[in-house]
Protein backbone atom coordinates (compact mmCIF):
# COMPACT_ATOMS: atom_id res chain seq x y z
CA MET A 1 14.61 -7.39 -1.11
CA VAL A 2 11.66 -5.99 -3.09
CA ASN A 3 9.84 -9.35 -3.08
CA GLU A 4 10.28 -9.72 0.68
CA LEU A 5 9.10 -6.16 1.33
CA GLU A 6 6.07 -6.54 -0.91
CA THR A 7 5.19 -9.82 0.79
CA SER A 8 5.31 -8.01 4.14
CA ILE A 9 3.05 -5.18 2.93
CA TYR A 10 0.63 -7.67 1.39
CA ASP A 11 0.50 -9.78 4.56
CA VAL A 12 -0.22 -6.75 6.78
CA LEU A 13 -3.02 -5.54 4.53
CA ARG A 14 -4.71 -8.87 3.85
CA ALA A 15 -4.67 -9.94 7.51
CA ASP A 16 -6.85 -7.05 8.66
CA ASP A 17 -10.53 -7.91 9.13
CA ASP A 18 -11.63 -4.26 9.04
CA LEU A 19 -9.95 -3.75 5.67
CA LYS A 20 -11.47 -6.99 4.44
CA GLY A 21 -14.90 -5.68 5.44
CA LEU A 22 -14.34 -2.43 3.57
CA THR A 23 -13.47 -4.36 0.39
CA GLY A 24 -16.69 -6.34 0.29
CA GLY A 25 -15.85 -9.08 2.78
CA GLU A 26 -13.19 -10.59 0.54
CA ILE A 27 -9.42 -10.26 0.41
CA ARG A 28 -8.98 -7.77 -2.43
CA VAL A 29 -5.38 -6.63 -2.06
CA PHE A 30 -3.26 -6.47 -5.21
CA ASN A 31 0.34 -5.62 -6.08
CA SER A 32 0.63 -3.00 -8.85
CA VAL A 33 -2.78 -3.43 -10.53
CA ALA A 34 -6.06 -5.18 -9.87
CA PRO A 35 -6.95 -7.93 -12.34
CA LEU A 36 -9.04 -6.86 -15.32
CA GLY A 37 -12.71 -7.14 -14.45
CA GLN A 38 -12.06 -7.30 -10.69
CA SER A 39 -15.05 -6.08 -8.68
CA MET A 40 -14.46 -3.08 -6.44
CA PRO A 41 -13.59 -1.81 -3.96
CA VAL A 42 -9.95 -2.96 -3.87
CA VAL A 43 -6.60 -2.10 -2.31
CA VAL A 44 -3.61 -1.69 -4.61
CA PHE A 45 0.00 -1.09 -3.59
CA SER A 46 3.02 -0.44 -5.80
CA GLN A 47 6.58 0.76 -5.54
CA ALA A 48 6.74 4.52 -6.05
CA GLY A 49 10.50 5.00 -5.67
CA GLY A 50 13.49 4.14 -3.60
CA LEU A 51 17.09 4.88 -2.75
CA GLU A 52 19.93 2.45 -2.04
CA GLU A 53 22.68 3.60 0.29
CA ASN A 54 25.50 1.12 -0.20
CA ALA A 55 28.44 3.32 0.82
CA THR A 56 28.64 1.81 4.31
CA LYS A 57 27.77 -1.43 6.02
CA PRO A 58 25.10 -2.40 6.74
CA CYS A 59 23.48 -1.84 3.36
CA SER A 60 20.37 0.30 3.70
CA VAL A 61 17.49 1.18 1.42
CA ILE A 62 14.73 3.73 1.64
CA MET A 63 11.69 2.49 -0.26
CA LYS A 64 8.51 4.36 -1.15
CA TYR A 65 5.23 2.58 -1.73
CA GLN A 66 1.91 4.00 -2.88
CA VAL A 67 -0.96 2.22 -1.14
CA LYS A 68 -4.52 3.18 -2.00
CA GLY A 69 -8.15 2.24 -1.93
CA ILE A 70 -9.98 2.19 -5.24
CA ALA A 71 -13.79 2.38 -5.28
CA VAL A 72 -16.72 3.76 -7.21
CA ARG A 73 -17.86 5.67 -4.13
CA GLY A 74 -15.35 8.26 -2.96
CA VAL A 75 -16.33 7.81 0.69
CA ILE A 76 -15.43 4.10 0.51
CA ALA A 77 -12.03 4.83 -1.07
CA SER A 78 -11.43 7.35 1.76
CA GLN A 79 -12.45 4.84 4.44
CA ILE A 80 -10.09 2.26 2.96
CA ALA A 81 -7.28 4.83 2.88
CA ALA A 82 -7.89 5.69 6.53
CA ARG A 83 -7.70 2.02 7.52
CA ILE A 84 -4.51 1.53 5.49
CA ASP A 85 -3.03 4.47 7.38
CA VAL A 86 -3.86 2.86 10.73
CA LEU A 87 -2.09 -0.32 9.57
CA LEU A 88 1.01 1.21 7.97
CA ASN A 89 1.80 4.66 9.37
CA ALA A 90 4.23 4.27 12.32
CA ALA A 91 4.42 0.49 11.79
CA ILE A 92 7.58 -1.59 12.05
CA LEU A 93 7.35 -4.13 9.23
CA THR A 94 8.83 -7.62 9.42
CA VAL A 95 10.81 -8.15 6.20
CA THR A 96 12.72 -11.42 5.76
CA GLY A 97 16.47 -10.78 5.72
CA TRP A 98 16.11 -7.08 6.56
CA THR A 99 15.56 -4.85 9.60
CA CYS A 100 13.04 -2.03 9.50
CA TYR A 101 15.16 0.52 11.38
CA ARG A 102 12.60 3.33 11.49
CA LYS A 103 8.86 3.36 11.72
CA VAL A 104 7.03 3.50 8.39
CA ARG A 105 5.99 7.08 7.66
CA ARG A 106 3.25 8.49 5.47
CA GLU A 107 4.98 10.96 3.18
CA THR A 108 2.18 12.35 1.05
CA THR A 109 -1.45 11.74 0.22
CA VAL A 110 -2.79 10.46 -3.08
CA ARG A 111 -6.25 11.31 -4.38
CA TYR A 112 -7.55 11.32 -7.92
CA GLN A 113 -10.39 10.14 -10.12
CA GLU A 114 -10.62 8.46 -13.49
CA ARG A 115 -13.39 7.14 -15.71
CA ASP A 116 -13.65 3.47 -16.55
CA SER A 117 -14.65 2.20 -20.00
CA GLY A 118 -18.31 2.38 -18.99
CA GLY A 119 -18.07 6.04 -17.98
CA ARG A 120 -18.21 5.48 -14.20
CA VAL A 121 -16.03 7.69 -12.03
CA ILE A 122 -13.48 5.59 -10.12
CA ASN A 123 -11.95 7.11 -6.96
CA HIS A 124 -8.35 6.47 -5.85
CA THR A 125 -7.43 7.56 -2.32
CA GLY A 126 -4.35 6.66 -0.29
CA ALA A 127 -0.81 7.71 0.43
CA VAL A 128 2.86 7.16 -0.31
CA TYR A 129 4.66 5.50 2.60
CA VAL A 130 8.41 5.57 3.26
CA ILE A 131 10.04 2.38 4.57
CA TRP A 132 13.62 2.28 5.90
CA LEU A 133 15.42 -1.09 5.77
CA GLU A 134 18.95 -2.33 6.40
CA ALA A 135 20.56 -5.71 5.79
């Protein structure tokens, strides 16, 4: 189920021309981490948690995914995060073998900075999204 869900998230993000424009005109969407040396800005998504409810049929899961823009300029990371929110918040994802039985919901925001090996400040801005699925 995780592979199918991550494929769905990836497909939604990479298909958007506005998001593509915000990431330098290229498809820069990565699962978990961007490749070493990847130019920025980028979009990264990763599983942030989940809960399986297998007591009844159909089987259901509640998954949480962190999806964020990463950029040197904070305003760009924020613009990417805003576009991600348009694409994901209140969406009904198509996940092979599963039904998204509630709209995706933004649960909390994510915003922090780090320094890269060259001393540049790198901005991370996004959110954790909750996704409800049943088989």
